[in-house]
Amino acid sequence: MTKHYWIRPEAGATPASGIVDTVNYGRGRPGLIPLWVGEGDLPTPPFIAEAATRSLAAGETFYTHQRGIPELREAIARRQGAILGKELSFERFFVTAGGMHAVEIAMRLVAGTGDEVIVPTPAWPNFRGALTANGASVVEVALAPSETGFSLDLGALEAAIGPRTTALVVNSPANPTGWTATRAELAAILEIARARDLWIVADEIYQRFVWDERVAVGTRAASFHDVMRADEKILFVQTLSKNYAMTGWRIGWLEAPPELARTIENLIQFSSSGSPVFVQRGAIAALDHGEGFVAHQIARAKRGREIVADALAPLNAVRFAPPPGAFYAFFAVPGAESAALARRVIDEANVGLAPGNAFGAGGEGGLRLCFARKDTDLVTAMERLVPVLRG
């Protein structure tokens, strides 16, 4: 007889990841090309690993600052300030165990039992997971697909706000769609949030991966930093995972008003008790010396986007527009069921893609492909994939 254990309903309601289910289905298949998760195929550069190794050799293996070591917080402020073209205080930055930890803390700050948070979808499923585990509800606002990509209806966004709404999640450039807000759109979203006294949780981790000059500010995507005042109710979640090939290191940060420092420090203490110092030393090396590697990552992703777009664009069976930002191709196969199609692609093409329904109701019928990989893998993957999509 199976024993039934009582647990908190919020924990039991946390949704399973459709991406993980698909990965588990295809894991270990010989020759499979894995394009299903949000990471590239390059290992962490040696100069980052060597900085961590030196820290280990120096015996930096003890508990440390809950907010992050001052040297890393200062490095984050320098790098983000250079990217955004503005001076930023290190007091705004709090080191977390990856971007997901930053998301979890942000959601704990702005939403709890009975609250609602608006999330444009298709969206990274971890937003929903973090909110559900905290007792809050997700209100989806569908991004509208078109021949030129996805768009957000600001009227629909505002109409979705109700008496229990506490926050808006804005992921731009977006995972999985590549939707990227213009500076004017971000200003309009901020005005909506101000008028309703709402928090914004801003995920801008793909800001360096921007392909369309209409949504760019120089060589990056537009940011809420371009339109905000110093005292805005905005929480930025960030990670070193994507730019510096550090997904397995679990190191990121939360940017927040300094007035929240003690509360955020407490939340870090009661969830991770701080990030390892040797990992933080590697992060400093990445931020201070990694621009050449980031440029290489961007160039590879740009070529990957071209390969994937050239293969998908001619297919009548697929609805696809090249994404203006991020490093994903999200395309729909009308009439398909996402999870079944993803498994069919594994079985028949030996290519791993993420099912669109993992990203919310707006993703059903679609698939997400990560093109942050070497071009030879992508060429082979598309040669295998196209016949399956043609049916």
Protein backbone atom coordinates (compact mmCIF):
# COMPACT_ATOMS: atom_id res chain seq x y z
CA MET A 1 0.00 0.00 0.00
CA THR A 2 1.29 3.45 -0.91
CA LYS A 3 1.56 5.77 2.04
CA HIS A 4 0.14 9.27 1.61
CA TYR A 5 2.00 12.11 3.24
CA TRP A 6 0.49 15.46 4.07
CA ILE A 7 2.42 18.40 2.59
CA ARG A 8 1.62 22.04 2.06
CA PRO A 9 -0.77 22.45 -0.88
CA GLU A 10 1.50 25.14 -2.38
CA ALA A 11 4.30 22.60 -2.64
CA GLY A 12 2.04 19.93 -4.06
CA ALA A 13 0.67 22.36 -6.66
CA THR A 14 4.11 23.22 -8.02
CA PRO A 15 3.98 22.16 -11.68
CA ALA A 16 6.34 19.65 -13.18
CA SER A 17 8.70 20.99 -15.83
CA GLY A 18 7.71 19.88 -19.30
CA ILE A 19 11.28 20.61 -20.37
CA VAL A 20 12.71 18.22 -17.78
CA ASP A 21 10.17 15.55 -18.77
CA THR A 22 11.31 15.79 -22.38
CA VAL A 23 14.99 15.77 -21.43
CA ASN A 24 14.42 12.66 -19.32
CA TYR A 25 12.71 10.99 -22.27
CA GLY A 26 15.64 11.57 -24.59
CA ARG A 27 18.58 11.58 -22.19
CA GLY A 28 21.44 9.27 -23.07
CA ARG A 29 20.44 8.52 -26.66
CA PRO A 30 23.58 8.03 -28.77
CA GLY A 31 24.17 10.88 -31.22
CA LEU A 32 21.27 13.03 -30.00
CA ILE A 33 21.83 16.76 -30.53
CA PRO A 34 20.49 18.48 -27.39
CA LEU A 35 18.92 21.85 -28.18
CA TRP A 36 16.27 21.60 -25.47
CA VAL A 37 17.72 23.61 -22.56
CA GLY A 38 18.90 27.19 -22.29
CA GLU A 39 22.65 26.80 -22.46
CA GLY A 40 25.37 26.66 -25.06
CA ASP A 41 27.85 23.88 -25.71
CA LEU A 42 31.03 25.66 -24.60
CA PRO A 43 32.52 24.81 -21.21
CA THR A 44 33.44 27.56 -18.78
CA PRO A 45 36.60 29.35 -19.98
CA PRO A 46 39.81 28.33 -18.16
CA PHE A 47 40.53 31.83 -16.80
CA ILE A 48 37.29 31.64 -14.78
CA ALA A 49 37.93 28.11 -13.50
CA GLU A 50 41.49 29.03 -12.60
CA ALA A 51 40.30 31.93 -10.44
CA ALA A 52 38.05 29.54 -8.54
CA THR A 53 40.86 27.02 -8.20
CA ARG A 54 43.18 29.65 -6.74
CA SER A 55 40.50 30.52 -4.22
CA LEU A 56 40.13 26.88 -3.20
CA ALA A 57 43.88 26.53 -2.88
CA ALA A 58 43.90 29.60 -0.63
CA GLY A 59 41.40 27.92 1.68
CA GLU A 60 38.39 30.15 0.90
CA THR A 61 35.92 27.45 1.84
CA PHE A 62 34.12 29.03 4.79
CA TYR A 63 30.82 30.85 5.28
CA THR A 64 30.89 34.37 3.94
CA HIS A 65 28.87 37.54 3.37
CA GLN A 66 25.19 36.75 2.80
CA ARG A 67 24.91 39.61 0.30
CA GLY A 68 27.99 38.41 -1.58
CA ILE A 69 31.61 39.33 -1.09
CA PRO A 70 32.15 43.08 -1.61
CA GLU A 71 34.61 42.48 -4.46
CA LEU A 72 31.97 40.64 -6.50
CA ARG A 73 29.23 43.16 -5.79
CA GLU A 74 31.57 45.91 -6.94
CA ALA A 75 32.48 43.94 -10.07
CA ILE A 76 28.79 43.48 -10.89
CA ALA A 77 28.17 47.21 -10.47
CA ARG A 78 31.14 48.05 -12.74
CA ARG A 79 30.13 45.62 -15.48
CA GLN A 80 26.42 46.45 -15.45
CA GLY A 81 27.24 50.15 -15.30
CA ALA A 82 29.44 49.81 -18.39
CA ILE A 83 26.78 47.84 -20.28
CA LEU A 84 23.98 50.24 -19.35
CA GLY A 85 25.99 53.44 -19.62
CA LYS A 86 25.24 54.65 -16.10
CA GLU A 87 26.84 54.61 -12.68
CA LEU A 88 25.41 51.99 -10.33
CA SER A 89 26.05 51.51 -6.62
CA PHE A 90 27.21 48.08 -5.47
CA GLU A 91 24.66 48.44 -2.67
CA ARG A 92 21.95 47.57 -5.22
CA PHE A 93 23.36 44.10 -5.90
CA PHE A 94 22.91 40.85 -3.96
CA VAL A 95 24.67 37.64 -4.97
CA THR A 96 22.46 34.59 -5.40
CA ALA A 97 22.84 30.90 -6.22
CA GLY A 98 22.05 31.44 -9.88
CA GLY A 99 19.32 33.35 -11.65
CA MET A 100 16.66 30.97 -10.35
CA HIS A 101 17.54 31.81 -6.76
CA ALA A 102 17.23 35.49 -7.68
CA VAL A 103 13.78 34.79 -9.14
CA GLU A 104 12.72 32.89 -6.03
CA ILE A 105 13.76 35.74 -3.73
CA ALA A 106 12.11 38.33 -5.97
CA MET A 107 8.83 36.43 -5.91
CA ARG A 108 8.98 36.06 -2.14
CA LEU A 109 9.38 39.82 -1.89
CA VAL A 110 6.37 40.72 -4.05
CA ALA A 111 3.79 37.90 -3.95
CA GLY A 112 2.33 35.34 -1.58
CA THR A 113 -0.84 33.42 -0.81
CA GLY A 114 -3.82 34.92 -2.61
CA ASP A 115 -1.78 37.35 -4.73
CA GLU A 116 -1.72 37.43 -8.51
CA VAL A 117 1.24 38.16 -10.76
CA ILE A 118 0.92 38.88 -14.47
CA VAL A 119 3.26 36.99 -16.79
CA PRO A 120 3.29 37.43 -20.59
CA THR A 121 3.35 33.98 -22.16
CA PRO A 122 4.82 31.84 -23.61
CA ALA A 123 7.22 32.30 -20.70
CA TRP A 124 10.04 30.52 -18.92
CA PRO A 125 8.16 28.01 -16.69
CA ASN A 126 10.24 28.77 -13.61
CA PHE A 127 8.34 32.03 -13.07
CA ARG A 128 5.17 30.01 -12.57
CA GLY A 129 6.96 27.46 -10.43
CA ALA A 130 8.36 30.06 -8.06
CA LEU A 131 5.03 31.82 -7.72
CA THR A 132 3.00 28.64 -7.24
CA ALA A 133 5.36 27.37 -4.56
CA ASN A 134 4.85 30.66 -2.76
CA GLY A 135 1.04 30.41 -2.88
CA ALA A 136 0.55 33.06 -5.56
CA SER A 137 -1.30 32.71 -8.87
CA VAL A 138 -0.12 33.46 -12.39
CA VAL A 139 -2.30 35.51 -14.73
CA GLU A 140 -1.18 34.92 -18.30
CA VAL A 141 -1.27 37.59 -20.98
CA ALA A 142 -0.61 36.00 -24.35
CA LEU A 143 2.07 37.39 -26.60
CA ALA A 144 0.63 37.61 -30.10
CA PRO A 145 2.55 35.86 -32.90
CA SER A 146 2.88 37.52 -36.29
CA GLU A 147 5.00 37.35 -39.43
CA THR A 148 7.58 39.60 -37.76
CA GLY A 149 7.67 37.93 -34.35
CA PHE A 150 5.75 38.23 -31.10
CA SER A 151 4.20 41.39 -29.68
CA LEU A 152 2.72 42.40 -26.34
CA ASP A 153 -0.68 44.10 -26.27
CA LEU A 154 -0.26 46.74 -23.56
CA GLY A 155 -4.03 47.19 -23.40
CA ALA A 156 -4.45 43.50 -22.62
CA LEU A 157 -1.68 43.74 -20.03
CA GLU A 158 -3.41 46.59 -18.26
CA ALA A 159 -6.81 44.91 -18.51
CA ALA A 160 -5.44 41.82 -16.76
CA ILE A 161 -4.61 43.79 -13.62
CA GLY A 162 -7.05 43.07 -10.83
CA PRO A 163 -7.46 43.86 -7.15
CA ARG A 164 -5.12 41.02 -6.16
CA THR A 165 -2.36 41.88 -8.64
CA THR A 166 0.92 42.75 -6.96
CA ALA A 167 3.49 42.51 -9.75
CA LEU A 168 4.29 42.23 -13.44
CA VAL A 169 6.98 39.92 -14.79
CA VAL A 170 8.78 41.32 -17.84
CA ASN A 171 11.34 39.08 -19.53
CA SER A 172 12.98 40.97 -22.40
CA PRO A 173 14.62 39.63 -24.49
CA ALA A 174 12.32 36.74 -23.75
CA ASN A 175 12.72 33.04 -23.26
CA PRO A 176 11.33 31.23 -25.29
CA THR A 177 9.95 33.62 -27.93
CA GLY A 178 12.75 36.14 -28.36
CA TRP A 179 10.21 38.95 -27.91
CA THR A 180 12.15 42.09 -27.09
CA ALA A 181 10.54 45.28 -25.83
CA THR A 182 11.46 48.63 -27.27
CA ARG A 183 12.49 51.48 -24.99
CA ALA A 184 9.06 53.04 -25.57
CA GLU A 185 7.28 49.81 -24.61
CA LEU A 186 9.28 49.51 -21.41
CA ALA A 187 8.41 53.12 -20.55
CA ALA A 188 4.72 52.37 -21.14
CA ILE A 189 4.84 49.23 -18.98
CA LEU A 190 6.55 51.19 -16.23
CA GLU A 191 3.82 53.84 -16.37
CA ILE A 192 1.18 51.12 -15.98
CA ALA A 193 3.02 49.71 -12.96
CA ARG A 194 3.41 53.16 -11.40
CA ALA A 195 -0.27 53.98 -11.86
CA ARG A 196 -1.31 50.73 -10.13
CA ASP A 197 1.52 50.74 -7.56
CA LEU A 198 2.82 47.37 -8.78
CA TRP A 199 6.23 45.79 -8.62
CA ILE A 200 8.06 44.81 -11.80
CA VAL A 201 10.26 41.72 -11.81
CA ALA A 202 12.56 42.33 -14.77
CA ASP A 203 14.46 39.42 -16.30
CA GLU A 204 16.98 40.99 -18.68
CA ILE A 205 19.55 38.19 -18.70
CA TYR A 206 19.66 38.00 -22.51
CA GLN A 207 20.26 41.75 -22.92
CA ARG A 208 23.53 41.17 -24.80
CA PHE A 209 21.85 38.88 -27.35
CA VAL A 210 19.93 41.34 -29.53
CA TRP A 211 19.60 40.99 -33.30
CA ASP A 212 17.18 43.73 -34.40
CA GLU A 213 18.34 47.36 -34.24
CA ARG A 214 14.73 48.50 -33.78
CA VAL A 215 14.74 47.11 -30.23
CA ALA A 216 18.39 47.80 -29.44
CA VAL A 217 20.14 50.52 -27.50
CA GLY A 218 23.61 50.37 -28.97
CA THR A 219 24.80 46.77 -28.74
CA ARG A 220 22.28 45.64 -26.12
CA ALA A 221 18.54 45.40 -25.72
CA ALA A 222 16.55 48.21 -24.16
CA SER A 223 16.38 48.04 -20.37
CA PHE A 224 14.14 49.40 -17.65
CA HIS A 225 17.32 51.18 -16.55
CA ASP A 226 16.87 53.40 -19.61
CA VAL A 227 13.51 54.74 -18.38
CA MET A 228 13.41 54.31 -14.59
CA ARG A 229 13.92 56.63 -11.66
CA ALA A 230 16.25 55.60 -8.84
CA ASP A 231 13.39 54.73 -6.48
CA GLU A 232 11.30 52.54 -8.81
CA LYS A 233 9.68 49.32 -7.59
CA ILE A 234 11.74 47.14 -9.94
CA LEU A 235 13.65 43.96 -9.10
CA PHE A 236 16.17 42.81 -11.70
CA VAL A 237 17.14 39.13 -11.82
CA GLN A 238 20.43 38.28 -13.47
CA THR A 239 22.88 35.41 -13.91
CA LEU A 240 26.38 34.68 -15.16
CA SER A 241 25.12 31.44 -16.71
CA LYS A 242 24.42 32.56 -20.27
CA ASN A 243 27.12 35.10 -21.09
CA TYR A 244 30.01 33.25 -19.48
CA ALA A 245 29.06 29.56 -19.95
CA MET A 246 28.60 29.11 -16.20
CA THR A 247 25.22 27.37 -15.98
CA GLY A 248 26.51 24.70 -13.60
CA TRP A 249 28.22 27.18 -11.27
CA ARG A 250 24.89 28.50 -9.94
CA ILE A 251 25.89 32.13 -9.52
CA GLY A 252 23.78 35.20 -10.27
CA TRP A 253 22.39 38.26 -8.59
CA LEU A 254 19.33 40.22 -7.65
CA GLU A 255 19.33 43.98 -8.16
CA ALA A 256 16.96 45.83 -5.84
CA PRO A 257 16.48 49.11 -4.00
CA PRO A 258 19.14 49.28 -1.25
CA GLU A 259 16.38 49.88 1.30
CA LEU A 260 15.51 46.17 0.96
CA ALA A 261 19.04 45.03 1.79
CA ARG A 262 18.36 43.60 5.23
CA THR A 263 15.27 41.69 4.07
CA ILE A 264 17.07 40.25 1.04
CA GLU A 265 20.03 39.30 3.24
CA ASN A 266 17.64 37.41 5.51
CA LEU A 267 16.03 35.60 2.56
CA ILE A 268 19.45 34.54 1.29
CA GLN A 269 20.43 33.34 4.77
CA PHE A 270 17.29 31.22 5.10
CA SER A 271 17.51 29.69 1.61
CA SER A 272 21.18 29.20 0.67
CA SER A 273 23.26 30.83 3.45
CA GLY A 274 25.31 32.53 0.77
CA SER A 275 27.24 31.54 -2.34
CA PRO A 276 30.64 29.81 -2.06
CA VAL A 277 33.55 32.24 -2.09
CA PHE A 278 35.50 30.25 -4.71
CA VAL A 279 32.49 30.45 -7.05
CA GLN A 280 32.32 34.19 -6.45
CA ARG A 281 36.03 34.53 -7.31
CA GLY A 282 35.33 32.85 -10.63
CA ALA A 283 32.45 35.26 -11.18
CA ILE A 284 34.73 38.25 -10.60
CA ALA A 285 37.15 36.93 -13.21
CA ALA A 286 34.27 36.49 -15.66
CA LEU A 287 32.95 40.02 -15.18
CA ASP A 288 36.33 41.73 -15.21
CA HIS A 289 38.03 39.78 -18.00
CA GLY A 290 35.28 38.04 -19.97
CA GLU A 291 34.25 40.53 -22.65
CA GLY A 292 36.17 38.72 -25.36
CA PHE A 293 34.43 35.47 -24.50
CA VAL A 294 31.01 37.18 -24.42
CA ALA A 295 31.66 38.60 -27.89
CA HIS A 296 32.54 35.09 -29.08
CA GLN A 297 29.31 33.73 -27.58
CA ILE A 298 27.26 36.43 -29.30
CA ALA A 299 28.93 35.81 -32.67
CA ARG A 300 28.25 32.07 -32.42
CA ALA A 301 24.61 32.67 -31.52
CA LYS A 302 24.22 35.09 -34.42
CA ARG A 303 25.47 32.44 -36.84
CA GLY A 304 23.24 29.86 -35.16
CA ARG A 305 20.21 32.10 -35.64
CA GLU A 306 21.01 32.38 -39.34
CA ILE A 307 21.30 28.61 -39.79
CA VAL A 308 18.03 27.91 -38.01
CA ALA A 309 16.12 30.72 -39.71
CA ASP A 310 17.30 29.67 -43.17
CA ALA A 311 16.05 26.13 -42.52
CA LEU A 312 12.69 27.01 -40.95
CA ALA A 313 11.62 30.00 -43.04
CA PRO A 314 10.71 28.02 -46.20
CA LEU A 315 8.56 25.47 -44.35
CA ASN A 316 4.85 25.92 -44.97
CA ALA A 317 4.08 23.53 -42.10
CA VAL A 318 5.75 25.84 -39.57
CA ARG A 319 4.87 29.32 -38.27
CA PHE A 320 8.14 31.06 -37.51
CA ALA A 321 9.73 34.49 -37.44
CA PRO A 322 13.41 35.09 -36.62
CA PRO A 323 13.61 36.33 -33.02
CA PRO A 324 14.81 39.91 -32.38
CA GLY A 325 16.57 38.86 -29.17
CA ALA A 326 17.79 35.97 -26.95
CA PHE A 327 19.12 32.71 -28.44
CA TYR A 328 16.00 30.65 -29.02
CA ALA A 329 13.85 29.88 -32.03
CA PHE A 330 10.24 29.35 -31.00
CA PHE A 331 8.07 28.03 -33.79
CA ALA A 332 4.58 26.60 -34.05
CA VAL A 333 3.36 23.55 -35.93
CA PRO A 334 -0.39 24.18 -36.34
CA GLY A 335 -2.49 21.30 -35.09
CA ALA A 336 0.36 19.64 -33.21
CA GLU A 337 0.43 18.71 -29.53
CA SER A 338 3.72 20.00 -28.17
CA ALA A 339 4.83 17.20 -25.85
CA ALA A 340 4.01 14.48 -28.39
CA LEU A 341 5.76 16.41 -31.15
CA ALA A 342 8.88 16.89 -29.03
CA ARG A 343 9.05 13.14 -28.41
CA ARG A 344 8.51 12.44 -32.09
CA VAL A 345 11.40 14.75 -32.95
CA ILE A 346 13.59 12.82 -30.51
CA ASP A 347 12.52 9.47 -31.92
CA GLU A 348 12.70 10.35 -35.62
CA ALA A 349 15.35 13.10 -35.83
CA ASN A 350 17.45 12.39 -32.72
CA VAL A 351 17.24 16.09 -31.86
CA GLY A 352 16.13 17.39 -28.48
CA LEU A 353 13.75 20.38 -28.45
CA ALA A 354 11.64 21.78 -25.61
CA PRO A 355 7.84 21.40 -25.92
CA GLY A 356 5.97 24.68 -26.22
CA ASN A 357 3.29 23.79 -23.68
CA ALA A 358 5.99 23.88 -20.98
CA PHE A 359 5.93 27.66 -21.39
CA GLY A 360 2.24 28.23 -20.68
CA ALA A 361 -1.01 28.00 -22.60
CA GLY A 362 0.27 30.35 -25.30
CA GLY A 363 2.99 27.86 -26.19
CA GLU A 364 0.88 24.82 -27.05
CA GLY A 365 1.63 23.55 -30.54
CA GLY A 366 5.12 25.01 -30.49
CA LEU A 367 8.70 23.94 -29.96
CA ARG A 368 11.71 25.84 -28.61
CA LEU A 369 15.17 25.37 -30.06
CA CYS A 370 18.33 26.79 -28.46
CA PHE A 371 20.74 27.93 -31.18
CA ALA A 372 23.67 28.85 -28.91
CA ARG A 373 25.77 26.00 -30.30
CA LYS A 374 28.47 25.35 -32.85
CA ASP A 375 27.33 25.70 -36.42
CA THR A 376 28.14 22.13 -37.48
CA ASP A 377 25.78 20.72 -34.84
CA LEU A 378 23.03 23.12 -35.89
CA VAL A 379 23.41 22.30 -39.59
CA THR A 380 23.12 18.59 -38.81
CA ALA A 381 20.19 19.16 -36.46
CA MET A 382 18.25 21.11 -39.07
CA GLU A 383 18.97 18.49 -41.75
CA ARG A 384 17.41 15.91 -39.46
CA LEU A 385 14.58 18.10 -38.18
CA VAL A 386 13.17 19.57 -41.39
CA PRO A 387 11.89 16.24 -42.84
CA VAL A 388 10.04 15.52 -39.58
CA LEU A 389 8.39 18.94 -39.55
CA ARG A 390 7.36 18.56 -43.18
CA GLY A 391 5.53 15.40 -42.11
